[in-house]
Amino acid sequence: MKSLSLLAGAGLASFLVFLVVSFPAKVLTDLAAPAGVQIAGVTGSAWRGQARSVEVPGLQLGRTTWIVDPAAFVLGRLSATIETVWPGGKAGGKLTVGITGSIRLREFEAVGSVAPIAQQMNLPPSGGQFFIDIADLVLVDNWPQFSLPMFVSKTSR
């Protein structure tokens, strides 16, 4: 009887893991997309998927992919590697959201044309490219957090 209970428990646990791992990304984006954000052509799972397009007010992104790091859940974080493209540009990096609402952006790079940014800011059209490279940025309550290295100096007498 005890082995039957153990077997049933293992079966139920396996089924729950299967449900979580194979949860459709389309269902998640339909439920969790913020107001004003339109996501189209969603495929894959919540853990590893892609969207054909993502539209945020003032910004039209093309193919966007994500891979969620399940190990981060152990520490109470949602962490994913995200890549996206838009006409004339692309961006990608690792985004982590903590249980307290802190946001961490690591190994983020973006490159693209300056013209669409100038247009969004009602500035005259401009040529050229921009390049952003962020090694590690932490935001707490929408404010960047800085960690300064401690310098210890020894003086001899």
C-alpha atoms as a PDB file:
ATOM      1  CA  MET A   1       0.000   0.000   0.000  1.00  0.00           C
ATOM      2  CA  LYS A   2       2.848   2.370   0.883  1.00  0.00           C
ATOM      3  CA  SER A   3       4.595   1.752  -2.447  1.00  0.00           C
ATOM      4  CA  LEU A   4       1.321   2.424  -4.287  1.00  0.00           C
ATOM      5  CA  SER A   5       1.031   5.824  -2.533  1.00  0.00           C
ATOM      6  CA  LEU A   6       4.651   6.593  -3.399  1.00  0.00           C
ATOM      7  CA  LEU A   7       4.070   5.632  -7.020  1.00  0.00           C
ATOM      8  CA  ALA A   8       0.899   7.750  -7.214  1.00  0.00           C
ATOM      9  CA  GLY A   9       2.745  10.713  -5.667  1.00  0.00           C
ATOM     10  CA  ALA A  10       5.611  10.373  -8.129  1.00  0.00           C
ATOM     11  CA  GLY A  11       3.127  10.159 -11.001  1.00  0.00           C
ATOM     12  CA  LEU A  12       1.287  13.280  -9.841  1.00  0.00           C
ATOM     13  CA  ALA A  13       4.565  15.176  -9.378  1.00  0.00           C
ATOM     14  CA  SER A  14       5.685  14.152 -12.873  1.00  0.00           C
ATOM     15  CA  PHE A  15       2.377  15.290 -14.348  1.00  0.00           C
ATOM     16  CA  LEU A  16       2.646  18.688 -12.620  1.00  0.00           C
ATOM     17  CA  VAL A  17       6.221  19.141 -13.862  1.00  0.00           C
ATOM     18  CA  PHE A  18       5.024  18.259 -17.392  1.00  0.00           C
ATOM     19  CA  LEU A  19       2.220  20.853 -17.163  1.00  0.00           C
ATOM     20  CA  VAL A  20       4.580  23.577 -15.994  1.00  0.00           C
ATOM     21  CA  VAL A  21       7.301  22.798 -18.547  1.00  0.00           C
ATOM     22  CA  SER A  22       4.926  22.563 -21.508  1.00  0.00           C
ATOM     23  CA  PHE A  23       2.662  25.500 -20.561  1.00  0.00           C
ATOM     24  CA  PRO A  24       1.850  27.234 -23.882  1.00  0.00           C
ATOM     25  CA  ALA A  25       3.383  30.673 -24.333  1.00  0.00           C
ATOM     26  CA  LYS A  26       0.249  31.853 -26.161  1.00  0.00           C
ATOM     27  CA  VAL A  27      -1.903  31.249 -23.082  1.00  0.00           C
ATOM     28  CA  LEU A  28       0.606  33.040 -20.856  1.00  0.00           C
ATOM     29  CA  THR A  29       0.893  36.096 -23.122  1.00  0.00           C
ATOM     30  CA  ASP A  30      -2.888  36.319 -23.435  1.00  0.00           C
ATOM     31  CA  LEU A  31      -3.233  36.297 -19.641  1.00  0.00           C
ATOM     32  CA  ALA A  32      -0.220  38.370 -18.611  1.00  0.00           C
ATOM     33  CA  ALA A  33       0.362  40.969 -21.348  1.00  0.00           C
ATOM     34  CA  PRO A  34       0.185  44.486 -19.883  1.00  0.00           C
ATOM     35  CA  ALA A  35      -2.514  46.871 -21.111  1.00  0.00           C
ATOM     36  CA  GLY A  36      -1.551  48.507 -24.387  1.00  0.00           C
ATOM     37  CA  VAL A  37       0.882  45.750 -25.382  1.00  0.00           C
ATOM     38  CA  GLN A  38      -0.069  43.607 -28.373  1.00  0.00           C
ATOM     39  CA  ILE A  39       1.761  40.335 -28.949  1.00  0.00           C
ATOM     40  CA  ALA A  40       1.176  38.353 -32.156  1.00  0.00           C
ATOM     41  CA  GLY A  41       2.352  35.026 -33.553  1.00  0.00           C
ATOM     42  CA  VAL A  42       3.298  33.468 -30.228  1.00  0.00           C
ATOM     43  CA  THR A  43       4.723  29.940 -30.370  1.00  0.00           C
ATOM     44  CA  GLY A  44       6.605  27.632 -28.037  1.00  0.00           C
ATOM     45  CA  SER A  45       6.282  27.258 -24.305  1.00  0.00           C
ATOM     46  CA  ALA A  46       6.359  29.786 -21.498  1.00  0.00           C
ATOM     47  CA  TRP A  47       9.916  28.571 -20.832  1.00  0.00           C
ATOM     48  CA  ARG A  48      11.226  28.805 -24.377  1.00  0.00           C
ATOM     49  CA  GLY A  49       9.241  30.617 -27.018  1.00  0.00           C
ATOM     50  CA  GLN A  50       8.961  33.405 -29.502  1.00  0.00           C
ATOM     51  CA  ALA A  51       6.579  36.059 -30.768  1.00  0.00           C
ATOM     52  CA  ARG A  52       6.412  37.204 -34.377  1.00  0.00           C
ATOM     53  CA  SER A  53       5.772  40.808 -33.249  1.00  0.00           C
ATOM     54  CA  VAL A  54       5.405  42.827 -30.069  1.00  0.00           C
ATOM     55  CA  GLU A  55       3.817  46.264 -30.163  1.00  0.00           C
ATOM     56  CA  VAL A  56       4.242  48.650 -27.257  1.00  0.00           C
ATOM     57  CA  PRO A  57       2.877  52.191 -27.629  1.00  0.00           C
ATOM     58  CA  GLY A  58       5.471  53.993 -29.723  1.00  0.00           C
ATOM     59  CA  LEU A  59       7.569  50.897 -30.419  1.00  0.00           C
ATOM     60  CA  GLN A  60       7.091  48.083 -32.936  1.00  0.00           C
ATOM     61  CA  LEU A  61       9.324  45.053 -32.338  1.00  0.00           C
ATOM     62  CA  GLY A  62       9.722  42.142 -34.708  1.00  0.00           C
ATOM     63  CA  ARG A  63      10.684  38.575 -33.833  1.00  0.00           C
ATOM     64  CA  THR A  64      11.245  38.329 -30.083  1.00  0.00           C
ATOM     65  CA  THR A  65      12.570  35.171 -28.404  1.00  0.00           C
ATOM     66  CA  TRP A  66      13.010  34.163 -24.782  1.00  0.00           C
ATOM     67  CA  ILE A  67      14.559  31.349 -22.783  1.00  0.00           C
ATOM     68  CA  VAL A  68      13.636  31.256 -19.085  1.00  0.00           C
ATOM     69  CA  ASP A  69      16.167  30.036 -16.517  1.00  0.00           C
ATOM     70  CA  PRO A  70      14.218  27.642 -14.245  1.00  0.00           C
ATOM     71  CA  ALA A  71      17.019  27.602 -11.635  1.00  0.00           C
ATOM     72  CA  ALA A  72      16.322  31.273 -10.822  1.00  0.00           C
ATOM     73  CA  PHE A  73      12.922  30.311  -9.385  1.00  0.00           C
ATOM     74  CA  VAL A  74      14.697  28.653  -6.471  1.00  0.00           C
ATOM     75  CA  LEU A  75      15.966  32.115  -5.490  1.00  0.00           C
ATOM     76  CA  GLY A  76      12.563  33.761  -6.023  1.00  0.00           C
ATOM     77  CA  ARG A  77      13.448  35.346  -9.355  1.00  0.00           C
ATOM     78  CA  LEU A  78      12.177  35.254 -12.916  1.00  0.00           C
ATOM     79  CA  SER A  79      15.184  35.300 -15.224  1.00  0.00           C
ATOM     80  CA  ALA A  80      15.266  35.027 -19.008  1.00  0.00           C
ATOM     81  CA  THR A  81      17.542  35.619 -21.958  1.00  0.00           C
ATOM     82  CA  ILE A  82      15.619  37.796 -24.404  1.00  0.00           C
ATOM     83  CA  GLU A  83      16.441  38.803 -27.986  1.00  0.00           C
ATOM     84  CA  THR A  84      14.434  41.046 -30.301  1.00  0.00           C
ATOM     85  CA  VAL A  85      14.706  42.852 -33.612  1.00  0.00           C
ATOM     86  CA  TRP A  86      13.018  45.870 -35.181  1.00  0.00           C
ATOM     87  CA  PRO A  87      13.469  47.604 -38.537  1.00  0.00           C
ATOM     88  CA  GLY A  88      17.067  48.749 -38.518  1.00  0.00           C
ATOM     89  CA  GLY A  89      18.039  47.354 -35.130  1.00  0.00           C
ATOM     90  CA  LYS A  90      18.324  44.532 -32.638  1.00  0.00           C
ATOM     91  CA  ALA A  91      18.770  44.016 -28.897  1.00  0.00           C
ATOM     92  CA  GLY A  92      19.353  41.193 -26.457  1.00  0.00           C
ATOM     93  CA  GLY A  93      20.410  40.381 -22.939  1.00  0.00           C
ATOM     94  CA  LYS A  94      19.537  38.704 -19.658  1.00  0.00           C
ATOM     95  CA  LEU A  95      16.618  40.172 -17.719  1.00  0.00           C
ATOM     96  CA  THR A  96      15.892  39.203 -14.111  1.00  0.00           C
ATOM     97  CA  VAL A  97      12.951  40.322 -11.983  1.00  0.00           C
ATOM     98  CA  GLY A  98      13.254  39.675  -8.253  1.00  0.00           C
ATOM     99  CA  ILE A  99      10.475  38.824  -5.836  1.00  0.00           C
ATOM    100  CA  THR A 100      10.823  42.349  -4.371  1.00  0.00           C
ATOM    101  CA  GLY A 101      10.315  43.938  -7.802  1.00  0.00           C
ATOM    102  CA  SER A 102      13.973  44.707  -8.449  1.00  0.00           C
ATOM    103  CA  ILE A 103      15.079  44.475 -12.083  1.00  0.00           C
ATOM    104  CA  ARG A 104      18.521  43.411 -13.255  1.00  0.00           C
ATOM    105  CA  LEU A 105      19.760  43.716 -16.828  1.00  0.00           C
ATOM    106  CA  ARG A 106      23.000  41.906 -17.683  1.00  0.00           C
ATOM    107  CA  GLU A 107      25.013  41.473 -20.848  1.00  0.00           C
ATOM    108  CA  PHE A 108      22.591  43.734 -22.727  1.00  0.00           C
ATOM    109  CA  GLU A 109      23.484  45.023 -26.162  1.00  0.00           C
ATOM    110  CA  ALA A 110      21.405  47.074 -28.575  1.00  0.00           C
ATOM    111  CA  VAL A 111      22.288  48.541 -31.953  1.00  0.00           C
ATOM    112  CA  GLY A 112      20.131  50.423 -34.411  1.00  0.00           C
ATOM    113  CA  SER A 113      19.391  53.526 -36.399  1.00  0.00           C
ATOM    114  CA  VAL A 114      19.079  56.879 -34.621  1.00  0.00           C
ATOM    115  CA  ALA A 115      16.316  58.102 -36.999  1.00  0.00           C
ATOM    116  CA  PRO A 116      13.342  56.291 -35.344  1.00  0.00           C
ATOM    117  CA  ILE A 117      14.419  57.539 -31.905  1.00  0.00           C
ATOM    118  CA  ALA A 118      14.676  61.116 -33.177  1.00  0.00           C
ATOM    119  CA  GLN A 119      11.225  60.771 -34.734  1.00  0.00           C
ATOM    120  CA  GLN A 120       9.726  59.514 -31.417  1.00  0.00           C
ATOM    121  CA  MET A 121      11.213  62.536 -29.639  1.00  0.00           C
ATOM    122  CA  ASN A 122       9.918  64.978 -32.320  1.00  0.00           C
ATOM    123  CA  LEU A 123      13.470  65.897 -33.310  1.00  0.00           C
ATOM    124  CA  PRO A 124      14.654  66.528 -36.858  1.00  0.00           C
ATOM    125  CA  PRO A 125      15.566  63.349 -38.759  1.00  0.00           C
ATOM    126  CA  SER A 126      19.102  62.246 -38.066  1.00  0.00           C
ATOM    127  CA  GLY A 127      21.426  59.698 -39.594  1.00  0.00           C
ATOM    128  CA  GLY A 128      23.790  57.396 -37.815  1.00  0.00           C
ATOM    129  CA  GLN A 129      23.693  54.401 -35.536  1.00  0.00           C
ATOM    130  CA  PHE A 130      23.530  53.956 -31.793  1.00  0.00           C
ATOM    131  CA  PHE A 131      25.144  51.217 -29.747  1.00  0.00           C
ATOM    132  CA  ILE A 132      24.305  50.409 -26.132  1.00  0.00           C
ATOM    133  CA  ASP A 133      26.333  47.944 -24.070  1.00  0.00           C
ATOM    134  CA  ILE A 134      25.276  47.360 -20.459  1.00  0.00           C
ATOM    135  CA  ALA A 135      27.349  44.877 -18.475  1.00  0.00           C
ATOM    136  CA  ASP A 136      25.194  44.948 -15.326  1.00  0.00           C
ATOM    137  CA  LEU A 137      22.388  47.318 -14.289  1.00  0.00           C
ATOM    138  CA  VAL A 138      20.186  46.876 -11.211  1.00  0.00           C
ATOM    139  CA  LEU A 139      17.023  48.941 -10.701  1.00  0.00           C
ATOM    140  CA  VAL A 140      15.258  49.079  -7.332  1.00  0.00           C
ATOM    141  CA  ASP A 141      12.089  51.200  -7.194  1.00  0.00           C
ATOM    142  CA  ASN A 142      12.991  52.407 -10.716  1.00  0.00           C
ATOM    143  CA  TRP A 143      16.335  53.795  -9.491  1.00  0.00           C
ATOM    144  CA  PRO A 144      19.732  52.424 -10.524  1.00  0.00           C
ATOM    145  CA  GLN A 145      21.741  50.827  -7.741  1.00  0.00           C
ATOM    146  CA  PHE A 146      25.494  51.208  -7.744  1.00  0.00           C
ATOM    147  CA  SER A 147      27.997  49.076  -5.934  1.00  0.00           C
ATOM    148  CA  LEU A 148      31.299  50.840  -5.572  1.00  0.00           C
ATOM    149  CA  PRO A 149      34.401  48.748  -4.982  1.00  0.00           C
ATOM    150  CA  MET A 150      36.048  49.201  -1.620  1.00  0.00           C
ATOM    151  CA  PHE A 151      39.605  50.378  -1.786  1.00  0.00           C
ATOM    152  CA  VAL A 152      41.880  49.474   1.073  1.00  0.00           C
ATOM    153  CA  SER A 153      45.256  51.091   1.207  1.00  0.00           C
ATOM    154  CA  LYS A 154      48.078  50.037   3.434  1.00  0.00           C
ATOM    155  CA  THR A 155      50.575  52.520   4.621  1.00  0.00           C
ATOM    156  CA  SER A 156      53.854  51.466   6.112  1.00  0.00           C
ATOM    157  CA  ARG A 157      55.453  53.377   8.965  1.00  0.00           C
END
